[in-house]
């Protein structure tokens, strides 16, 4: 198994409308998203972290990079 981690400033919320749209994608209701967006110090850059995991079946050579 190999992992390819990533970490970066990938999303900038420049306005309350941007923040509401971002929060709606993450399943907040319109009302809840608007309430949270009103409390944010905008513009705001969000850092996203994660990784891609590559796994192979036992006995299979790993993929080349």
PDB file of N, CA and C in Angstrom:
ATOM      1  N   UNK A   1       0.851  -1.160   0.000  1.00  0.00           N
ATOM      2  CA  UNK A   1       0.000   0.000   0.000  1.00  0.00           C
ATOM      3  C   UNK A   1       0.905   1.233   0.000  1.00  0.00           C
ATOM      4  N   UNK A   2       0.533   2.219  -0.778  1.00  0.00           N
ATOM      5  CA  UNK A   2       1.226   3.502  -0.831  1.00  0.00           C
ATOM      6  C   UNK A   2       0.217   4.607  -0.568  1.00  0.00           C
ATOM      7  N   UNK A   3       0.670   5.691   0.015  1.00  0.00           N
ATOM      8  CA  UNK A   3      -0.198   6.856   0.191  1.00  0.00           C
ATOM      9  C   UNK A   3       0.455   8.066  -0.449  1.00  0.00           C
ATOM     10  N   UNK A   4      -0.388   8.956  -0.932  1.00  0.00           N
ATOM     11  CA  UNK A   4       0.064  10.203  -1.539  1.00  0.00           C
ATOM     12  C   UNK A   4      -0.673  11.333  -0.819  1.00  0.00           C
ATOM     13  N   UNK A   5      -0.086  11.850   0.294  1.00  0.00           N
ATOM     14  CA  UNK A   5      -0.791  12.892   1.048  1.00  0.00           C
ATOM     15  C   UNK A   5      -0.789  14.235   0.327  1.00  0.00           C
ATOM     16  N   UNK A   6      -1.797  15.028   0.589  1.00  0.00           N
ATOM     17  CA  UNK A   6      -1.857  16.379   0.053  1.00  0.00           C
ATOM     18  C   UNK A   6      -2.377  17.314   1.130  1.00  0.00           C
ATOM     19  N   UNK A   7      -1.970  18.553   1.051  1.00  0.00           N
ATOM     20  CA  UNK A   7      -2.316  19.562   2.037  1.00  0.00           C
ATOM     21  C   UNK A   7      -2.127  20.905   1.353  1.00  0.00           C
ATOM     22  N   UNK A   8      -3.156  21.691   1.266  1.00  0.00           N
ATOM     23  CA  UNK A   8      -2.978  22.964   0.604  1.00  0.00           C
ATOM     24  C   UNK A   8      -4.144  23.911   0.775  1.00  0.00           C
ATOM     25  N   UNK A   9      -3.899  25.192   0.578  1.00  0.00           N
ATOM     26  CA  UNK A   9      -4.963  26.201   0.614  1.00  0.00           C
ATOM     27  C   UNK A   9      -5.773  26.123  -0.682  1.00  0.00           C
ATOM     28  N   UNK A  10      -6.809  25.308  -0.694  1.00  0.00           N
ATOM     29  CA  UNK A  10      -7.500  24.992  -1.945  1.00  0.00           C
ATOM     30  C   UNK A  10      -8.794  25.760  -2.178  1.00  0.00           C
ATOM     31  N   UNK A  11      -9.372  26.340  -1.128  1.00  0.00           N
ATOM     32  CA  UNK A  11     -10.656  27.023  -1.287  1.00  0.00           C
ATOM     33  C   UNK A  11     -10.581  28.384  -0.603  1.00  0.00           C
ATOM     34  N   UNK A  12     -10.966  29.422  -1.326  1.00  0.00           N
ATOM     35  CA  UNK A  12     -11.072  30.747  -0.722  1.00  0.00           C
ATOM     36  C   UNK A  12     -12.530  31.178  -0.740  1.00  0.00           C
ATOM     37  N   UNK A  13     -13.037  31.497   0.436  1.00  0.00           N
ATOM     38  CA  UNK A  13     -14.405  32.011   0.566  1.00  0.00           C
ATOM     39  C   UNK A  13     -14.287  33.528   0.586  1.00  0.00           C
ATOM     40  N   UNK A  14     -14.661  34.156  -0.512  1.00  0.00           N
ATOM     41  CA  UNK A  14     -14.486  35.595  -0.645  1.00  0.00           C
ATOM     42  C   UNK A  14     -15.665  36.426  -0.177  1.00  0.00           C
ATOM     43  N   UNK A  15     -16.820  35.783  -0.049  1.00  0.00           N
ATOM     44  CA  UNK A  15     -18.027  36.530   0.327  1.00  0.00           C
ATOM     45  C   UNK A  15     -18.948  35.614   1.119  1.00  0.00           C
ATOM     46  N   UNK A  16     -19.969  36.216   1.722  1.00  0.00           N
ATOM     47  CA  UNK A  16     -20.958  35.423   2.450  1.00  0.00           C
ATOM     48  C   UNK A  16     -21.648  34.436   1.508  1.00  0.00           C
ATOM     49  N   UNK A  17     -21.892  34.850   0.271  1.00  0.00           N
ATOM     50  CA  UNK A  17     -22.529  33.947  -0.699  1.00  0.00           C
ATOM     51  C   UNK A  17     -21.638  32.732  -0.977  1.00  0.00           C
ATOM     52  N   UNK A  18     -20.313  32.950  -1.075  1.00  0.00           N
ATOM     53  CA  UNK A  18     -19.383  31.835  -1.265  1.00  0.00           C
ATOM     54  C   UNK A  18     -19.423  30.895  -0.071  1.00  0.00           C
ATOM     55  N   UNK A  19     -19.410  31.473   1.124  1.00  0.00           N
ATOM     56  CA  UNK A  19     -19.433  30.665   2.344  1.00  0.00           C
ATOM     57  C   UNK A  19     -20.731  29.855   2.435  1.00  0.00           C
ATOM     58  N   UNK A  20     -21.852  30.475   2.125  1.00  0.00           N
ATOM     59  CA  UNK A  20     -23.137  29.774   2.164  1.00  0.00           C
ATOM     60  C   UNK A  20     -23.129  28.612   1.179  1.00  0.00           C
ATOM     61  N   UNK A  21     -22.646  28.854  -0.024  1.00  0.00           N
ATOM     62  CA  UNK A  21     -22.598  27.781  -1.030  1.00  0.00           C
ATOM     63  C   UNK A  21     -21.709  26.633  -0.555  1.00  0.00           C
ATOM     64  N   UNK A  22     -20.553  26.951   0.018  1.00  0.00           N
ATOM     65  CA  UNK A  22     -19.651  25.922   0.528  1.00  0.00           C
ATOM     66  C   UNK A  22     -20.323  25.120   1.636  1.00  0.00           C
ATOM     67  N   UNK A  23     -20.960  25.801   2.562  1.00  0.00           N
ATOM     68  CA  UNK A  23     -21.628  25.120   3.684  1.00  0.00           C
ATOM     69  C   UNK A  23     -22.823  24.300   3.225  1.00  0.00           C
ATOM     70  N   UNK A  24     -23.529  24.760   2.215  1.00  0.00           N
ATOM     71  CA  UNK A  24     -24.671  24.004   1.679  1.00  0.00           C
ATOM     72  C   UNK A  24     -24.204  22.682   1.073  1.00  0.00           C
ATOM     73  N   UNK A  25     -23.054  22.698   0.396  1.00  0.00           N
ATOM     74  CA  UNK A  25     -22.499  21.454  -0.164  1.00  0.00           C
ATOM     75  C   UNK A  25     -22.206  20.463   0.961  1.00  0.00           C
ATOM     76  N   UNK A  26     -21.872  20.999   2.141  1.00  0.00           N
ATOM     77  CA  UNK A  26     -21.565  20.148   3.282  1.00  0.00           C
ATOM     78  C   UNK A  26     -22.807  19.900   4.154  1.00  0.00           C
ATOM     79  N   UNK A  27     -23.957  20.023   3.542  1.00  0.00           N
ATOM     80  CA  UNK A  27     -25.257  19.607   4.087  1.00  0.00           C
ATOM     81  C   UNK A  27     -25.847  20.480   5.186  1.00  0.00           C
ATOM     82  N   UNK A  28     -25.414  21.715   5.286  1.00  0.00           N
ATOM     83  CA  UNK A  28     -26.111  22.614   6.193  1.00  0.00           C
ATOM     84  C   UNK A  28     -27.343  23.155   5.483  1.00  0.00           C
ATOM     85  N   UNK A  29     -28.373  23.417   6.247  1.00  0.00           N
ATOM     86  CA  UNK A  29     -29.575  24.016   5.661  1.00  0.00           C
ATOM     87  C   UNK A  29     -29.249  25.441   5.230  1.00  0.00           C
ATOM     88  N   UNK A  30     -30.091  26.002   4.396  1.00  0.00           N
ATOM     89  CA  UNK A  30     -29.895  27.390   3.941  1.00  0.00           C
ATOM     90  C   UNK A  30     -29.815  28.332   5.138  1.00  0.00           C
ATOM     91  N   UNK A  31     -30.703  28.141   6.101  1.00  0.00           N
ATOM     92  CA  UNK A  31     -30.749  29.016   7.279  1.00  0.00           C
ATOM     93  C   UNK A  31     -29.496  28.854   8.137  1.00  0.00           C
ATOM     94  N   UNK A  32     -29.085  27.609   8.386  1.00  0.00           N
ATOM     95  CA  UNK A  32     -27.891  27.367   9.199  1.00  0.00           C
ATOM     96  C   UNK A  32     -26.643  27.902   8.499  1.00  0.00           C
ATOM     97  N   UNK A  33     -26.535  27.686   7.193  1.00  0.00           N
ATOM     98  CA  UNK A  33     -25.388  28.158   6.432  1.00  0.00           C
ATOM     99  C   UNK A  33     -25.310  29.682   6.476  1.00  0.00           C
ATOM    100  N   UNK A  34     -26.435  30.352   6.318  1.00  0.00           N
ATOM    101  CA  UNK A  34     -26.457  31.822   6.367  1.00  0.00           C
ATOM    102  C   UNK A  34     -26.062  32.318   7.756  1.00  0.00           C
ATOM    103  N   UNK A  35     -26.522  31.623   8.789  1.00  0.00           N
ATOM    104  CA  UNK A  35     -26.165  32.006  10.153  1.00  0.00           C
ATOM    105  C   UNK A  35     -24.671  31.886  10.412  1.00  0.00           C
ATOM    106  N   UNK A  36     -24.074  30.787   9.970  1.00  0.00           N
ATOM    107  CA  UNK A  36     -22.632  30.591  10.145  1.00  0.00           C
ATOM    108  C   UNK A  36     -21.859  31.598   9.299  1.00  0.00           C
ATOM    109  N   UNK A  37     -22.261  31.787   8.047  1.00  0.00           N
ATOM    110  CA  UNK A  37     -21.559  32.707   7.153  1.00  0.00           C
ATOM    111  C   UNK A  37     -21.511  34.122   7.730  1.00  0.00           C
ATOM    112  N   UNK A  38     -22.555  34.512   8.430  1.00  0.00           N
ATOM    113  CA  UNK A  38     -22.604  35.854   9.018  1.00  0.00           C
ATOM    114  C   UNK A  38     -21.560  36.039  10.117  1.00  0.00           C
ATOM    115  N   UNK A  39     -21.044  34.952  10.672  1.00  0.00           N
ATOM    116  CA  UNK A  39     -20.067  35.047  11.763  1.00  0.00           C
ATOM    117  C   UNK A  39     -18.619  34.968  11.282  1.00  0.00           C
ATOM    118  N   UNK A  40     -18.404  34.680  10.011  1.00  0.00           N
ATOM    119  CA  UNK A  40     -17.044  34.465   9.502  1.00  0.00           C
ATOM    120  C   UNK A  40     -16.339  35.769   9.171  1.00  0.00           C
ATOM    121  N   UNK A  41     -15.041  35.779   9.368  1.00  0.00           N
ATOM    122  CA  UNK A  41     -14.196  36.909   8.985  1.00  0.00           C
ATOM    123  C   UNK A  41     -13.710  36.630   7.563  1.00  0.00           C
ATOM    124  N   UNK A  42     -14.391  37.201   6.594  1.00  0.00           N
ATOM    125  CA  UNK A  42     -14.112  36.928   5.181  1.00  0.00           C
ATOM    126  C   UNK A  42     -13.281  38.049   4.574  1.00  0.00           C
ATOM    127  N   UNK A  43     -12.470  37.783   3.566  1.00  0.00           N
ATOM    128  CA  UNK A  43     -12.264  36.509   2.899  1.00  0.00           C
ATOM    129  C   UNK A  43     -11.487  35.538   3.788  1.00  0.00           C
ATOM    130  N   UNK A  44     -11.708  34.240   3.542  1.00  0.00           N
ATOM    131  CA  UNK A  44     -11.102  33.182   4.336  1.00  0.00           C
ATOM    132  C   UNK A  44     -10.606  32.091   3.389  1.00  0.00           C
ATOM    133  N   UNK A  45      -9.359  31.674   3.579  1.00  0.00           N
ATOM    134  CA  UNK A  45      -8.809  30.577   2.784  1.00  0.00           C
ATOM    135  C   UNK A  45      -8.838  29.313   3.634  1.00  0.00           C
ATOM    136  N   UNK A  46      -9.403  28.263   3.074  1.00  0.00           N
ATOM    137  CA  UNK A  46      -9.501  26.989   3.780  1.00  0.00           C
ATOM    138  C   UNK A  46      -8.404  26.049   3.297  1.00  0.00           C
ATOM    139  N   UNK A  47      -7.728  25.441   4.234  1.00  0.00           N
ATOM    140  CA  UNK A  47      -6.731  24.427   3.915  1.00  0.00           C
ATOM    141  C   UNK A  47      -7.419  23.075   3.952  1.00  0.00           C
ATOM    142  N   UNK A  48      -7.256  22.317   2.895  1.00  0.00           N
ATOM    143  CA  UNK A  48      -7.847  20.986   2.809  1.00  0.00           C
ATOM    144  C   UNK A  48      -6.719  19.971   2.918  1.00  0.00           C
ATOM    145  N   UNK A  49      -6.977  18.910   3.669  1.00  0.00           N
ATOM    146  CA  UNK A  49      -5.983  17.847   3.839  1.00  0.00           C
ATOM    147  C   UNK A  49      -6.615  16.516   3.513  1.00  0.00           C
ATOM    148  N   UNK A  50      -5.796  15.624   2.990  1.00  0.00           N
ATOM    149  CA  UNK A  50      -6.273  14.290   2.696  1.00  0.00           C
ATOM    150  C   UNK A  50      -5.158  13.454   2.106  1.00  0.00           C
ATOM    151  N   UNK A  51      -5.534  12.324   1.555  1.00  0.00           N
ATOM    152  CA  UNK A  51      -4.544  11.490   0.886  1.00  0.00           C
ATOM    153  C   UNK A  51      -5.252  10.579  -0.105  1.00  0.00           C
ATOM    154  N   UNK A  52      -4.485  10.138  -1.060  1.00  0.00           N
ATOM    155  CA  UNK A  52      -4.933   9.113  -1.992  1.00  0.00           C
ATOM    156  C   UNK A  52      -4.195   7.848  -1.571  1.00  0.00           C
ATOM    157  N   UNK A  53      -4.921   6.747  -1.437  1.00  0.00           N
ATOM    158  CA  UNK A  53      -4.316   5.479  -1.033  1.00  0.00           C
ATOM    159  C   UNK A  53      -4.325   4.545  -2.227  1.00  0.00           C
ATOM    160  N   UNK A  54      -3.161   3.979  -2.520  1.00  0.00           N
ATOM    161  CA  UNK A  54      -3.020   3.001  -3.591  1.00  0.00           C
ATOM    162  C   UNK A  54      -2.749   1.653  -2.931  1.00  0.00           C
ATOM    163  N   UNK A  55      -3.555   0.666  -3.237  1.00  0.00           N
ATOM    164  CA  UNK A  55      -3.360  -0.668  -2.685  1.00  0.00           C
ATOM    165  C   UNK A  55      -3.351  -1.671  -3.827  1.00  0.00           C
ATOM    166  N   UNK A  56      -2.567  -2.713  -3.661  1.00  0.00           N
ATOM    167  CA  UNK A  56      -2.513  -3.773  -4.668  1.00  0.00           C
ATOM    168  C   UNK A  56      -2.823  -5.101  -4.004  1.00  0.00           C
ATOM    169  N   UNK A  57      -3.273  -6.020  -4.789  1.00  0.00           N
ATOM    170  CA  UNK A  57      -3.554  -7.370  -4.328  1.00  0.00           C
ATOM    171  C   UNK A  57      -2.229  -8.027  -3.934  1.00  0.00           C
ATOM    172  N   UNK A  58      -2.235  -8.848  -2.908  1.00  0.00           N
ATOM    173  CA  UNK A  58      -1.025  -9.527  -2.449  1.00  0.00           C
ATOM    174  C   UNK A  58      -0.359 -10.220  -3.628  1.00  0.00           C
ATOM    175  N   UNK A  59       0.940 -10.022  -3.752  1.00  0.00           N
ATOM    176  CA  UNK A  59       1.697 -10.646  -4.836  1.00  0.00           C
ATOM    177  C   UNK A  59       1.750  -9.821  -6.105  1.00  0.00           C
ATOM    178  N   UNK A  60       1.005  -8.721  -6.163  1.00  0.00           N
ATOM    179  CA  UNK A  60       1.016  -7.840  -7.326  1.00  0.00           C
ATOM    180  C   UNK A  60       2.047  -6.748  -7.093  1.00  0.00           C
ATOM    181  N   UNK A  61       2.947  -6.496  -8.053  1.00  0.00           N
ATOM    182  CA  UNK A  61       3.934  -5.444  -7.843  1.00  0.00           C
ATOM    183  C   UNK A  61       3.259  -4.073  -7.694  1.00  0.00           C
ATOM    184  N   UNK A  62       3.834  -3.184  -6.852  1.00  0.00           N
ATOM    185  CA  UNK A  62       3.248  -1.842  -6.712  1.00  0.00           C
ATOM    186  C   UNK A  62       3.305  -1.079  -8.023  1.00  0.00           C
ATOM    187  N   UNK A  63       2.379  -0.113  -8.162  1.00  0.00           N
ATOM    188  CA  UNK A  63       2.357   0.708  -9.372  1.00  0.00           C
ATOM    189  C   UNK A  63       3.571   1.613  -9.393  1.00  0.00           C
ATOM    190  N   UNK A  64       4.038   1.931 -10.560  1.00  0.00           N
ATOM    191  CA  UNK A  64       5.182   2.842 -10.659  1.00  0.00           C
ATOM    192  C   UNK A  64       4.696   4.274 -10.614  1.00  0.00           C
ATOM    193  N   UNK A  65       5.518   5.135 -10.043  1.00  0.00           N
ATOM    194  CA  UNK A  65       5.134   6.547  -9.875  1.00  0.00           C
ATOM    195  C   UNK A  65       5.357   7.321 -11.142  1.00  0.00           C
TER     196      UNK A  65
END
